[in-house]
């Protein structure tokens, strides 16, 4: 009898080993995917059994009961995180669980470019297929209300940067991050303002920075461009900057700025109206924000493009006219 029980125990042990070996083989073998990559979305609150079923529903050839058993036996079932995941050929049940437990979501990236206006931002969002388009049907006012900034104009409020996001994330979540980033950058810049700055608030600094951003992409010129506008504001001279006129024209601008356009009044026409325009005209980057609050020590009131990306700065109108003749008219 003792020999019988010993043999029975041995057989049971061998059976357990066989099951364990098969289980280890099963979790280590590549899962069969219907394509090179498979998108898997796990909604918040999904239980482990539901996660296993979601994997099968995504097209992965796997028994959801076996997958659920693996989740439970691993001890990591409760660590599975909601999110958007991308499964690639060769992934195993072992690696799948590790990915889900670590929250290794499938990330995409979108770059908001310095100098873009809100129309360009929204167009870039609309073209990004990996985003959930929850703002495309909203006008600007409704958009800002959704973002918690009811009554605020959207122009210039989003910081230009590269933002990563999980596939399937809503546009509004990305915009909220860009909104908070601009708040942080603007506050930091305002805290570093120099005594000679004429702008009286972070809001005015943002508007001026947006003009600086549109007037030059050359880093060395930004503080000097800001100095010109700072000096003009100080003496009550109109800013007379073309980008504000173009912004006020909106979709009517065809790439050719005419004399009549400079004379046609809009709230953003700084030829016909004194002081700063009512809103930013684009998204300024960090360098433009700092230039607006730390303008160069200069008495210049004018500048003209040299044609090589840089500008010539002048203190007097006569000097400016000579520079215009030289660099714009070739005289």
C-alpha atoms as a PDB file:
ATOM      1  CA  UNK A   1       0.000   0.000   0.000  1.00  0.00           C
ATOM      2  CA  UNK A   2       2.825   2.390   0.889  1.00  0.00           C
ATOM      3  CA  UNK A   3       4.421   1.681  -2.468  1.00  0.00           C
ATOM      4  CA  UNK A   4       1.089   2.441  -4.188  1.00  0.00           C
ATOM      5  CA  UNK A   5       0.744   5.826  -2.528  1.00  0.00           C
ATOM      6  CA  UNK A   6       4.361   6.583  -3.249  1.00  0.00           C
ATOM      7  CA  UNK A   7       3.785   5.793  -6.894  1.00  0.00           C
ATOM      8  CA  UNK A   8       0.570   7.858  -6.913  1.00  0.00           C
ATOM      9  CA  UNK A   9       2.391  10.810  -5.384  1.00  0.00           C
ATOM     10  CA  UNK A  10       5.149  10.497  -7.936  1.00  0.00           C
ATOM     11  CA  UNK A  11       2.656  10.419 -10.802  1.00  0.00           C
ATOM     12  CA  UNK A  12       0.845  13.447  -9.400  1.00  0.00           C
ATOM     13  CA  UNK A  13       4.141  15.320  -9.065  1.00  0.00           C
ATOM     14  CA  UNK A  14       5.072  14.426 -12.633  1.00  0.00           C
ATOM     15  CA  UNK A  15       1.662  15.581 -13.803  1.00  0.00           C
ATOM     16  CA  UNK A  16       2.065  18.886 -12.012  1.00  0.00           C
ATOM     17  CA  UNK A  17       5.508  19.314 -13.514  1.00  0.00           C
ATOM     18  CA  UNK A  18       4.122  18.542 -16.935  1.00  0.00           C
ATOM     19  CA  UNK A  19       1.328  21.077 -16.462  1.00  0.00           C
ATOM     20  CA  UNK A  20       3.815  23.640 -15.173  1.00  0.00           C
ATOM     21  CA  UNK A  21       6.156  23.005 -18.087  1.00  0.00           C
ATOM     22  CA  UNK A  22       3.277  23.313 -20.563  1.00  0.00           C
ATOM     23  CA  UNK A  23       2.105  26.476 -18.857  1.00  0.00           C
ATOM     24  CA  UNK A  24       5.570  27.999 -19.027  1.00  0.00           C
ATOM     25  CA  UNK A  25       5.804  27.046 -22.702  1.00  0.00           C
ATOM     26  CA  UNK A  26       2.378  28.553 -23.333  1.00  0.00           C
ATOM     27  CA  UNK A  27       3.129  31.930 -21.750  1.00  0.00           C
ATOM     28  CA  UNK A  28       6.483  32.123 -23.577  1.00  0.00           C
ATOM     29  CA  UNK A  29       5.299  31.232 -27.076  1.00  0.00           C
ATOM     30  CA  UNK A  30       4.420  34.095 -29.469  1.00  0.00           C
ATOM     31  CA  UNK A  31       0.741  34.898 -29.688  1.00  0.00           C
ATOM     32  CA  UNK A  32      -0.891  34.733 -33.113  1.00  0.00           C
ATOM     33  CA  UNK A  33      -1.773  38.251 -34.269  1.00  0.00           C
ATOM     34  CA  UNK A  34      -3.977  39.003 -37.292  1.00  0.00           C
ATOM     35  CA  UNK A  35      -1.637  41.774 -38.472  1.00  0.00           C
ATOM     36  CA  UNK A  36       1.829  43.194 -37.898  1.00  0.00           C
ATOM     37  CA  UNK A  37       0.420  45.264 -35.042  1.00  0.00           C
ATOM     38  CA  UNK A  38      -2.802  45.119 -33.086  1.00  0.00           C
ATOM     39  CA  UNK A  39      -4.335  48.019 -31.180  1.00  0.00           C
ATOM     40  CA  UNK A  40      -5.638  47.114 -27.738  1.00  0.00           C
ATOM     41  CA  UNK A  41      -7.715  49.519 -25.671  1.00  0.00           C
ATOM     42  CA  UNK A  42      -8.344  48.823 -21.990  1.00  0.00           C
ATOM     43  CA  UNK A  43     -11.013  51.032 -20.503  1.00  0.00           C
ATOM     44  CA  UNK A  44     -10.729  52.208 -16.874  1.00  0.00           C
ATOM     45  CA  UNK A  45     -12.397  49.809 -14.470  1.00  0.00           C
ATOM     46  CA  UNK A  46     -12.030  46.748 -16.702  1.00  0.00           C
ATOM     47  CA  UNK A  47     -11.552  43.597 -14.612  1.00  0.00           C
ATOM     48  CA  UNK A  48      -8.785  41.082 -15.457  1.00  0.00           C
ATOM     49  CA  UNK A  49     -11.255  38.677 -17.085  1.00  0.00           C
ATOM     50  CA  UNK A  50     -12.532  41.556 -19.227  1.00  0.00           C
ATOM     51  CA  UNK A  51      -8.964  42.418 -20.185  1.00  0.00           C
ATOM     52  CA  UNK A  52      -8.352  38.850 -21.353  1.00  0.00           C
ATOM     53  CA  UNK A  53     -11.542  38.986 -23.393  1.00  0.00           C
ATOM     54  CA  UNK A  54     -10.545  42.382 -24.858  1.00  0.00           C
ATOM     55  CA  UNK A  55      -7.284  40.826 -26.090  1.00  0.00           C
ATOM     56  CA  UNK A  56      -9.212  38.089 -27.867  1.00  0.00           C
ATOM     57  CA  UNK A  57     -11.750  40.598 -29.208  1.00  0.00           C
ATOM     58  CA  UNK A  58      -8.897  42.635 -30.674  1.00  0.00           C
ATOM     59  CA  UNK A  59      -8.175  39.693 -32.981  1.00  0.00           C
ATOM     60  CA  UNK A  60      -5.420  37.925 -31.050  1.00  0.00           C
ATOM     61  CA  UNK A  61      -5.786  34.133 -31.420  1.00  0.00           C
ATOM     62  CA  UNK A  62      -5.766  33.265 -27.732  1.00  0.00           C
ATOM     63  CA  UNK A  63      -8.100  31.462 -25.352  1.00  0.00           C
ATOM     64  CA  UNK A  64      -9.327  34.225 -23.028  1.00  0.00           C
ATOM     65  CA  UNK A  65      -9.911  31.744 -20.187  1.00  0.00           C
ATOM     66  CA  UNK A  66      -6.288  30.566 -20.338  1.00  0.00           C
ATOM     67  CA  UNK A  67      -5.076  34.162 -20.567  1.00  0.00           C
ATOM     68  CA  UNK A  68      -7.192  35.117 -17.574  1.00  0.00           C
ATOM     69  CA  UNK A  69      -5.796  32.124 -15.642  1.00  0.00           C
ATOM     70  CA  UNK A  70      -2.283  33.345 -16.419  1.00  0.00           C
ATOM     71  CA  UNK A  71      -3.160  36.829 -15.181  1.00  0.00           C
ATOM     72  CA  UNK A  72      -4.434  35.355 -11.913  1.00  0.00           C
ATOM     73  CA  UNK A  73      -1.592  32.876 -11.364  1.00  0.00           C
ATOM     74  CA  UNK A  74       1.045  35.545 -12.029  1.00  0.00           C
ATOM     75  CA  UNK A  75      -0.131  37.650  -9.089  1.00  0.00           C
ATOM     76  CA  UNK A  76      -0.140  40.755 -11.327  1.00  0.00           C
ATOM     77  CA  UNK A  77      -3.803  40.729 -12.353  1.00  0.00           C
ATOM     78  CA  UNK A  78      -4.645  43.728 -10.165  1.00  0.00           C
ATOM     79  CA  UNK A  79      -1.689  45.685 -11.542  1.00  0.00           C
ATOM     80  CA  UNK A  80      -3.055  45.823 -15.082  1.00  0.00           C
ATOM     81  CA  UNK A  81      -3.528  49.443 -16.130  1.00  0.00           C
ATOM     82  CA  UNK A  82      -6.082  50.973 -18.425  1.00  0.00           C
ATOM     83  CA  UNK A  83      -4.781  52.581 -21.577  1.00  0.00           C
ATOM     84  CA  UNK A  84      -4.088  52.239 -25.285  1.00  0.00           C
ATOM     85  CA  UNK A  85      -1.553  49.584 -26.219  1.00  0.00           C
ATOM     86  CA  UNK A  86       0.045  48.373 -29.423  1.00  0.00           C
ATOM     87  CA  UNK A  87       0.798  44.654 -29.660  1.00  0.00           C
ATOM     88  CA  UNK A  88       3.491  43.609 -32.122  1.00  0.00           C
ATOM     89  CA  UNK A  89       4.296  40.325 -33.810  1.00  0.00           C
ATOM     90  CA  UNK A  90       6.283  38.051 -31.496  1.00  0.00           C
ATOM     91  CA  UNK A  91       4.644  39.230 -28.287  1.00  0.00           C
ATOM     92  CA  UNK A  92       4.025  36.466 -25.750  1.00  0.00           C
ATOM     93  CA  UNK A  93       1.446  36.171 -22.991  1.00  0.00           C
ATOM     94  CA  UNK A  94       4.312  36.775 -20.548  1.00  0.00           C
ATOM     95  CA  UNK A  95       5.392  39.988 -22.298  1.00  0.00           C
ATOM     96  CA  UNK A  96       1.784  41.058 -22.770  1.00  0.00           C
ATOM     97  CA  UNK A  97       1.100  40.928 -19.048  1.00  0.00           C
ATOM     98  CA  UNK A  98       4.317  42.800 -18.328  1.00  0.00           C
ATOM     99  CA  UNK A  99       3.311  45.524 -20.804  1.00  0.00           C
ATOM    100  CA  UNK A 100      -0.156  45.857 -19.260  1.00  0.00           C
ATOM    101  CA  UNK A 101       1.102  45.814 -15.679  1.00  0.00           C
ATOM    102  CA  UNK A 102       3.757  48.442 -16.411  1.00  0.00           C
ATOM    103  CA  UNK A 103       1.328  50.613 -18.357  1.00  0.00           C
ATOM    104  CA  UNK A 104       3.573  50.650 -21.423  1.00  0.00           C
ATOM    105  CA  UNK A 105       1.082  52.424 -23.631  1.00  0.00           C
ATOM    106  CA  UNK A 106       1.496  52.999 -27.330  1.00  0.00           C
ATOM    107  CA  UNK A 107       2.750  56.572 -27.580  1.00  0.00           C
ATOM    108  CA  UNK A 108       2.538  58.977 -30.478  1.00  0.00           C
ATOM    109  CA  UNK A 109       3.948  62.492 -30.762  1.00  0.00           C
ATOM    110  CA  UNK A 110       2.594  65.766 -32.125  1.00  0.00           C
ATOM    111  CA  UNK A 111       4.629  68.939 -32.517  1.00  0.00           C
ATOM    112  CA  UNK A 112       3.009  72.340 -32.114  1.00  0.00           C
ATOM    113  CA  UNK A 113       5.292  74.729 -33.973  1.00  0.00           C
ATOM    114  CA  UNK A 114       6.433  78.133 -32.715  1.00  0.00           C
ATOM    115  CA  UNK A 115       4.565  80.860 -34.571  1.00  0.00           C
ATOM    116  CA  UNK A 116       1.523  78.770 -35.421  1.00  0.00           C
ATOM    117  CA  UNK A 117      -1.885  80.360 -34.934  1.00  0.00           C
ATOM    118  CA  UNK A 118      -4.901  78.570 -33.487  1.00  0.00           C
ATOM    119  CA  UNK A 119      -6.194  77.607 -36.942  1.00  0.00           C
ATOM    120  CA  UNK A 120      -2.947  75.803 -37.679  1.00  0.00           C
ATOM    121  CA  UNK A 121      -3.018  74.096 -34.286  1.00  0.00           C
ATOM    122  CA  UNK A 122      -6.523  72.805 -34.837  1.00  0.00           C
ATOM    123  CA  UNK A 123      -5.675  71.669 -38.371  1.00  0.00           C
ATOM    124  CA  UNK A 124      -2.710  69.666 -37.035  1.00  0.00           C
ATOM    125  CA  UNK A 125      -4.931  68.033 -34.423  1.00  0.00           C
ATOM    126  CA  UNK A 126      -7.523  67.132 -37.051  1.00  0.00           C
ATOM    127  CA  UNK A 127      -4.877  65.407 -39.205  1.00  0.00           C
ATOM    128  CA  UNK A 128      -3.600  63.255 -36.326  1.00  0.00           C
ATOM    129  CA  UNK A 129      -5.476  59.977 -36.733  1.00  0.00           C
ATOM    130  CA  UNK A 130      -4.166  58.624 -33.415  1.00  0.00           C
ATOM    131  CA  UNK A 131      -6.090  61.239 -31.433  1.00  0.00           C
ATOM    132  CA  UNK A 132      -9.728  61.090 -30.417  1.00  0.00           C
ATOM    133  CA  UNK A 133     -11.263  64.156 -32.052  1.00  0.00           C
ATOM    134  CA  UNK A 134     -13.377  65.530 -29.231  1.00  0.00           C
ATOM    135  CA  UNK A 135     -12.854  69.224 -30.101  1.00  0.00           C
ATOM    136  CA  UNK A 136     -13.170  69.318 -33.892  1.00  0.00           C
ATOM    137  CA  UNK A 137     -16.873  70.201 -33.815  1.00  0.00           C
ATOM    138  CA  UNK A 138     -16.399  73.023 -31.302  1.00  0.00           C
ATOM    139  CA  UNK A 139     -15.883  76.682 -32.127  1.00  0.00           C
ATOM    140  CA  UNK A 140     -13.122  78.557 -30.318  1.00  0.00           C
ATOM    141  CA  UNK A 141     -15.391  79.736 -27.504  1.00  0.00           C
ATOM    142  CA  UNK A 142     -16.737  76.238 -26.841  1.00  0.00           C
ATOM    143  CA  UNK A 143     -13.216  74.834 -27.025  1.00  0.00           C
ATOM    144  CA  UNK A 144     -11.950  77.149 -24.312  1.00  0.00           C
ATOM    145  CA  UNK A 145     -14.982  76.377 -22.165  1.00  0.00           C
ATOM    146  CA  UNK A 146     -14.189  72.656 -22.475  1.00  0.00           C
ATOM    147  CA  UNK A 147     -10.616  73.385 -21.422  1.00  0.00           C
ATOM    148  CA  UNK A 148     -11.781  75.282 -18.342  1.00  0.00           C
ATOM    149  CA  UNK A 149     -11.006  78.760 -19.710  1.00  0.00           C
ATOM    150  CA  UNK A 150     -14.451  80.052 -20.588  1.00  0.00           C
ATOM    151  CA  UNK A 151     -14.328  83.544 -22.068  1.00  0.00           C
ATOM    152  CA  UNK A 152     -10.600  83.404 -22.866  1.00  0.00           C
ATOM    153  CA  UNK A 153      -9.418  83.823 -26.451  1.00  0.00           C
ATOM    154  CA  UNK A 154      -7.469  80.716 -27.580  1.00  0.00           C
ATOM    155  CA  UNK A 155      -4.809  82.430 -29.658  1.00  0.00           C
ATOM    156  CA  UNK A 156      -1.318  82.119 -28.193  1.00  0.00           C
ATOM    157  CA  UNK A 157      -2.497  80.151 -25.135  1.00  0.00           C
ATOM    158  CA  UNK A 158      -0.793  76.867 -26.030  1.00  0.00           C
ATOM    159  CA  UNK A 159       2.930  76.365 -25.651  1.00  0.00           C
ATOM    160  CA  UNK A 160       4.681  75.178 -28.822  1.00  0.00           C
ATOM    161  CA  UNK A 161       6.446  71.902 -28.084  1.00  0.00           C
ATOM    162  CA  UNK A 162       6.403  68.193 -28.938  1.00  0.00           C
ATOM    163  CA  UNK A 163       3.769  66.335 -26.944  1.00  0.00           C
ATOM    164  CA  UNK A 164       3.591  62.560 -26.613  1.00  0.00           C
ATOM    165  CA  UNK A 165       0.238  60.908 -26.105  1.00  0.00           C
ATOM    166  CA  UNK A 166      -1.305  57.471 -25.956  1.00  0.00           C
ATOM    167  CA  UNK A 167      -3.100  56.355 -29.073  1.00  0.00           C
ATOM    168  CA  UNK A 168      -6.770  57.159 -28.699  1.00  0.00           C
ATOM    169  CA  UNK A 169      -6.200  60.038 -26.276  1.00  0.00           C
ATOM    170  CA  UNK A 170      -8.605  62.980 -26.675  1.00  0.00           C
ATOM    171  CA  UNK A 171      -7.403  66.182 -28.309  1.00  0.00           C
ATOM    172  CA  UNK A 172      -8.621  68.103 -25.281  1.00  0.00           C
ATOM    173  CA  UNK A 173      -6.155  66.285 -23.005  1.00  0.00           C
ATOM    174  CA  UNK A 174      -3.210  67.318 -25.202  1.00  0.00           C
ATOM    175  CA  UNK A 175      -4.456  70.893 -25.400  1.00  0.00           C
ATOM    176  CA  UNK A 176      -4.836  71.080 -21.622  1.00  0.00           C
ATOM    177  CA  UNK A 177      -1.185  70.061 -21.264  1.00  0.00           C
ATOM    178  CA  UNK A 178      -0.124  72.701 -23.794  1.00  0.00           C
ATOM    179  CA  UNK A 179      -2.292  75.271 -22.003  1.00  0.00           C
ATOM    180  CA  UNK A 180      -0.700  74.510 -18.623  1.00  0.00           C
ATOM    181  CA  UNK A 181       2.753  74.555 -20.219  1.00  0.00           C
ATOM    182  CA  UNK A 182       2.164  78.074 -21.560  1.00  0.00           C
ATOM    183  CA  UNK A 183       0.896  79.233 -18.171  1.00  0.00           C
ATOM    184  CA  UNK A 184       4.083  77.918 -16.575  1.00  0.00           C
ATOM    185  CA  UNK A 185       6.416  79.392 -19.196  1.00  0.00           C
ATOM    186  CA  UNK A 186       4.673  82.762 -19.156  1.00  0.00           C
ATOM    187  CA  UNK A 187       4.760  82.984 -15.356  1.00  0.00           C
ATOM    188  CA  UNK A 188       8.455  82.090 -15.344  1.00  0.00           C
ATOM    189  CA  UNK A 189       9.244  84.703 -17.993  1.00  0.00           C
ATOM    190  CA  UNK A 190       7.219  87.413 -16.243  1.00  0.00           C
ATOM    191  CA  UNK A 191       9.103  86.757 -13.013  1.00  0.00           C
ATOM    192  CA  UNK A 192      12.352  87.528 -14.900  1.00  0.00           C
ATOM    193  CA  UNK A 193      11.232  90.813 -16.471  1.00  0.00           C
ATOM    194  CA  UNK A 194      13.660  93.725 -16.479  1.00  0.00           C
ATOM    195  CA  UNK A 195      12.826  97.238 -15.171  1.00  0.00           C
ATOM    196  CA  UNK A 196      12.739  98.867 -18.631  1.00  0.00           C
ATOM    197  CA  UNK A 197       9.877  96.648 -19.831  1.00  0.00           C
ATOM    198  CA  UNK A 198       6.831  98.724 -20.809  1.00  0.00           C
ATOM    199  CA  UNK A 199       4.244  95.934 -20.864  1.00  0.00           C
ATOM    200  CA  UNK A 200       2.246  95.967 -17.653  1.00  0.00           C
ATOM    201  CA  UNK A 201       1.052  92.385 -17.248  1.00  0.00           C
ATOM    202  CA  UNK A 202       1.770  88.791 -18.274  1.00  0.00           C
ATOM    203  CA  UNK A 203      -1.117  89.114 -20.730  1.00  0.00           C
ATOM    204  CA  UNK A 204       0.552  92.039 -22.491  1.00  0.00           C
ATOM    205  CA  UNK A 205       3.875  90.197 -22.413  1.00  0.00           C
ATOM    206  CA  UNK A 206       2.249  87.243 -24.175  1.00  0.00           C
ATOM    207  CA  UNK A 207       0.838  89.513 -26.874  1.00  0.00           C
ATOM    208  CA  UNK A 208       4.196  91.189 -27.434  1.00  0.00           C
ATOM    209  CA  UNK A 209       6.001  87.837 -27.457  1.00  0.00           C
ATOM    210  CA  UNK A 210       3.654  86.567 -30.178  1.00  0.00           C
ATOM    211  CA  UNK A 211       4.562  89.563 -32.351  1.00  0.00           C
ATOM    212  CA  UNK A 212       8.273  89.018 -31.736  1.00  0.00           C
ATOM    213  CA  UNK A 213       7.830  85.357 -32.684  1.00  0.00           C
ATOM    214  CA  UNK A 214       6.230  86.264 -36.011  1.00  0.00           C
ATOM    215  CA  UNK A 215       8.685  89.047 -36.835  1.00  0.00           C
ATOM    216  CA  UNK A 216      11.840  86.941 -36.680  1.00  0.00           C
ATOM    217  CA  UNK A 217      12.982  83.363 -36.323  1.00  0.00           C
ATOM    218  CA  UNK A 218      16.573  84.411 -35.692  1.00  0.00           C
ATOM    219  CA  UNK A 219      17.458  83.935 -32.052  1.00  0.00           C
ATOM    220  CA  UNK A 220      19.977  86.772 -31.862  1.00  0.00           C
ATOM    221  CA  UNK A 221      17.465  89.279 -33.258  1.00  0.00           C
ATOM    222  CA  UNK A 222      14.572  88.538 -30.913  1.00  0.00           C
ATOM    223  CA  UNK A 223      15.720  90.769 -28.016  1.00  0.00           C
ATOM    224  CA  UNK A 224      16.404  93.603 -30.482  1.00  0.00           C
ATOM    225  CA  UNK A 225      13.008  93.241 -32.154  1.00  0.00           C
ATOM    226  CA  UNK A 226      11.443  93.278 -28.692  1.00  0.00           C
ATOM    227  CA  UNK A 227      13.482  96.407 -27.875  1.00  0.00           C
ATOM    228  CA  UNK A 228      12.106  98.196 -30.948  1.00  0.00           C
ATOM    229  CA  UNK A 229       8.516  97.503 -29.931  1.00  0.00           C
ATOM    230  CA  UNK A 230       9.244  98.278 -26.287  1.00  0.00           C
ATOM    231  CA  UNK A 231      10.714 101.631 -27.319  1.00  0.00           C
ATOM    232  CA  UNK A 232       7.766 102.412 -29.591  1.00  0.00           C
ATOM    233  CA  UNK A 233       5.289 101.639 -26.821  1.00  0.00           C
ATOM    234  CA  UNK A 234       7.235 103.876 -24.448  1.00  0.00           C
ATOM    235  CA  UNK A 235       7.092 106.919 -26.741  1.00  0.00           C
ATOM    236  CA  UNK A 236       3.539 106.288 -27.974  1.00  0.00           C
ATOM    237  CA  UNK A 237       4.605 105.382 -31.497  1.00  0.00           C
ATOM    238  CA  UNK A 238       2.414 102.886 -33.418  1.00  0.00           C
ATOM    239  CA  UNK A 239       3.910  99.402 -33.577  1.00  0.00           C
ATOM    240  CA  UNK A 240       3.268  99.208 -37.342  1.00  0.00           C
ATOM    241  CA  UNK A 241       4.062  95.516 -37.603  1.00  0.00           C
ATOM    242  CA  UNK A 242       2.858  93.582 -40.652  1.00  0.00           C
ATOM    243  CA  UNK A 243       2.131  90.236 -38.919  1.00  0.00           C
ATOM    244  CA  UNK A 244      -0.631  91.849 -36.856  1.00  0.00           C
ATOM    245  CA  UNK A 245      -2.260  93.209 -40.022  1.00  0.00           C
ATOM    246  CA  UNK A 246      -2.040  89.784 -41.649  1.00  0.00           C
ATOM    247  CA  UNK A 247      -3.573  88.181 -38.576  1.00  0.00           C
ATOM    248  CA  UNK A 248      -6.468  90.643 -38.638  1.00  0.00           C
ATOM    249  CA  UNK A 249      -7.145  89.791 -42.279  1.00  0.00           C
ATOM    250  CA  UNK A 250      -7.623  86.123 -41.406  1.00  0.00           C
ATOM    251  CA  UNK A 251      -8.481  83.874 -44.340  1.00  0.00           C
ATOM    252  CA  UNK A 252      -8.648  86.915 -46.645  1.00  0.00           C
ATOM    253  CA  UNK A 253      -4.849  87.153 -46.694  1.00  0.00           C
ATOM    254  CA  UNK A 254      -3.564  85.595 -49.927  1.00  0.00           C
ATOM    255  CA  UNK A 255       0.151  85.970 -49.283  1.00  0.00           C
ATOM    256  CA  UNK A 256       0.398  89.468 -50.720  1.00  0.00           C
ATOM    257  CA  UNK A 257       0.200  92.357 -48.256  1.00  0.00           C
ATOM    258  CA  UNK A 258      -0.893  95.531 -50.056  1.00  0.00           C
ATOM    259  CA  UNK A 259      -0.862  99.192 -49.056  1.00  0.00           C
ATOM    260  CA  UNK A 260      -4.650  99.183 -48.803  1.00  0.00           C
ATOM    261  CA  UNK A 261      -4.421  96.300 -46.323  1.00  0.00           C
ATOM    262  CA  UNK A 262      -2.214  98.443 -44.072  1.00  0.00           C
ATOM    263  CA  UNK A 263      -4.839 101.180 -44.230  1.00  0.00           C
ATOM    264  CA  UNK A 264      -7.872  98.930 -43.614  1.00  0.00           C
ATOM    265  CA  UNK A 265      -8.757  99.039 -39.945  1.00  0.00           C
ATOM    266  CA  UNK A 266      -9.174  95.893 -37.859  1.00  0.00           C
ATOM    267  CA  UNK A 267      -8.648  95.400 -34.106  1.00  0.00           C
ATOM    268  CA  UNK A 268      -5.219  93.912 -34.940  1.00  0.00           C
ATOM    269  CA  UNK A 269      -4.049  96.563 -37.402  1.00  0.00           C
ATOM    270  CA  UNK A 270      -1.172  98.252 -35.571  1.00  0.00           C
ATOM    271  CA  UNK A 271      -0.849 100.808 -38.379  1.00  0.00           C
ATOM    272  CA  UNK A 272      -4.318 102.205 -37.721  1.00  0.00           C
ATOM    273  CA  UNK A 273      -4.499 101.582 -33.951  1.00  0.00           C
ATOM    274  CA  UNK A 274      -2.015 102.516 -31.233  1.00  0.00           C
ATOM    275  CA  UNK A 275      -0.550 100.155 -28.656  1.00  0.00           C
ATOM    276  CA  UNK A 276      -0.709  96.390 -28.558  1.00  0.00           C
ATOM    277  CA  UNK A 277      -3.395  94.434 -30.413  1.00  0.00           C
ATOM    278  CA  UNK A 278      -6.178  92.971 -28.239  1.00  0.00           C
ATOM    279  CA  UNK A 279      -4.876  89.390 -28.337  1.00  0.00           C
ATOM    280  CA  UNK A 280      -1.779  87.384 -29.226  1.00  0.00           C
ATOM    281  CA  UNK A 281      -1.423  86.581 -32.914  1.00  0.00           C
ATOM    282  CA  UNK A 282       0.420  83.253 -32.612  1.00  0.00           C
ATOM    283  CA  UNK A 283       2.088  80.844 -30.194  1.00  0.00           C
ATOM    284  CA  UNK A 284       5.382  82.286 -28.923  1.00  0.00           C
ATOM    285  CA  UNK A 285       8.166  79.964 -27.861  1.00  0.00           C
ATOM    286  CA  UNK A 286      10.346  80.273 -24.782  1.00  0.00           C
ATOM    287  CA  UNK A 287      12.905  82.541 -26.493  1.00  0.00           C
ATOM    288  CA  UNK A 288      10.238  84.988 -27.683  1.00  0.00           C
ATOM    289  CA  UNK A 289       8.630  85.069 -24.232  1.00  0.00           C
ATOM    290  CA  UNK A 290      11.952  85.925 -22.632  1.00  0.00           C
ATOM    291  CA  UNK A 291      12.763  88.522 -25.296  1.00  0.00           C
ATOM    292  CA  UNK A 292       9.459  90.280 -24.642  1.00  0.00           C
ATOM    293  CA  UNK A 293      10.302  90.770 -20.958  1.00  0.00           C
ATOM    294  CA  UNK A 294      14.071  91.112 -21.386  1.00  0.00           C
ATOM    295  CA  UNK A 295      14.498  93.352 -24.450  1.00  0.00           C
ATOM    296  CA  UNK A 296      17.980  94.330 -25.534  1.00  0.00           C
ATOM    297  CA  UNK A 297      19.498  97.584 -24.326  1.00  0.00           C
ATOM    298  CA  UNK A 298      18.892  99.536 -27.527  1.00  0.00           C
ATOM    299  CA  UNK A 299      17.408 102.842 -28.642  1.00  0.00           C
ATOM    300  CA  UNK A 300      16.345 101.406 -32.008  1.00  0.00           C
ATOM    301  CA  UNK A 301      12.878 102.321 -33.245  1.00  0.00           C
ATOM    302  CA  UNK A 302      13.034 100.630 -36.637  1.00  0.00           C
ATOM    303  CA  UNK A 303      14.227  97.429 -38.268  1.00  0.00           C
ATOM    304  CA  UNK A 304      14.211  95.986 -41.770  1.00  0.00           C
ATOM    305  CA  UNK A 305      14.948  92.486 -43.047  1.00  0.00           C
ATOM    306  CA  UNK A 306      18.316  92.100 -44.751  1.00  0.00           C
ATOM    307  CA  UNK A 307      17.125  89.184 -46.843  1.00  0.00           C
ATOM    308  CA  UNK A 308      19.309  86.582 -45.145  1.00  0.00           C
ATOM    309  CA  UNK A 309      17.073  85.991 -42.137  1.00  0.00           C
ATOM    310  CA  UNK A 310      18.626  88.781 -40.075  1.00  0.00           C
ATOM    311  CA  UNK A 311      17.515  92.395 -39.602  1.00  0.00           C
ATOM    312  CA  UNK A 312      19.113  95.824 -39.618  1.00  0.00           C
ATOM    313  CA  UNK A 313      18.135  98.019 -36.663  1.00  0.00           C
ATOM    314  CA  UNK A 314      18.050 101.821 -36.745  1.00  0.00           C
ATOM    315  CA  UNK A 315      17.522 104.570 -34.179  1.00  0.00           C
ATOM    316  CA  UNK A 316      16.393 107.252 -36.644  1.00  0.00           C
ATOM    317  CA  UNK A 317      13.980 107.324 -39.564  1.00  0.00           C
ATOM    318  CA  UNK A 318      16.696 108.596 -41.929  1.00  0.00           C
ATOM    319  CA  UNK A 319      18.942 105.664 -41.073  1.00  0.00           C
ATOM    320  CA  UNK A 320      16.002 103.294 -41.459  1.00  0.00           C
ATOM    321  CA  UNK A 321      15.110 104.695 -44.899  1.00  0.00           C
ATOM    322  CA  UNK A 322      18.697 104.191 -46.037  1.00  0.00           C
ATOM    323  CA  UNK A 323      18.561 100.598 -44.786  1.00  0.00           C
ATOM    324  CA  UNK A 324      15.265 100.012 -46.616  1.00  0.00           C
ATOM    325  CA  UNK A 325      16.784 101.349 -49.843  1.00  0.00           C
ATOM    326  CA  UNK A 326      19.805  99.093 -49.401  1.00  0.00           C
ATOM    327  CA  UNK A 327      18.203  95.846 -48.350  1.00  0.00           C
ATOM    328  CA  UNK A 328      14.715  96.052 -49.850  1.00  0.00           C
ATOM    329  CA  UNK A 329      15.167  98.138 -52.983  1.00  0.00           C
ATOM    330  CA  UNK A 330      18.799  97.364 -53.781  1.00  0.00           C
ATOM    331  CA  UNK A 331      19.709 101.043 -54.062  1.00  0.00           C
END
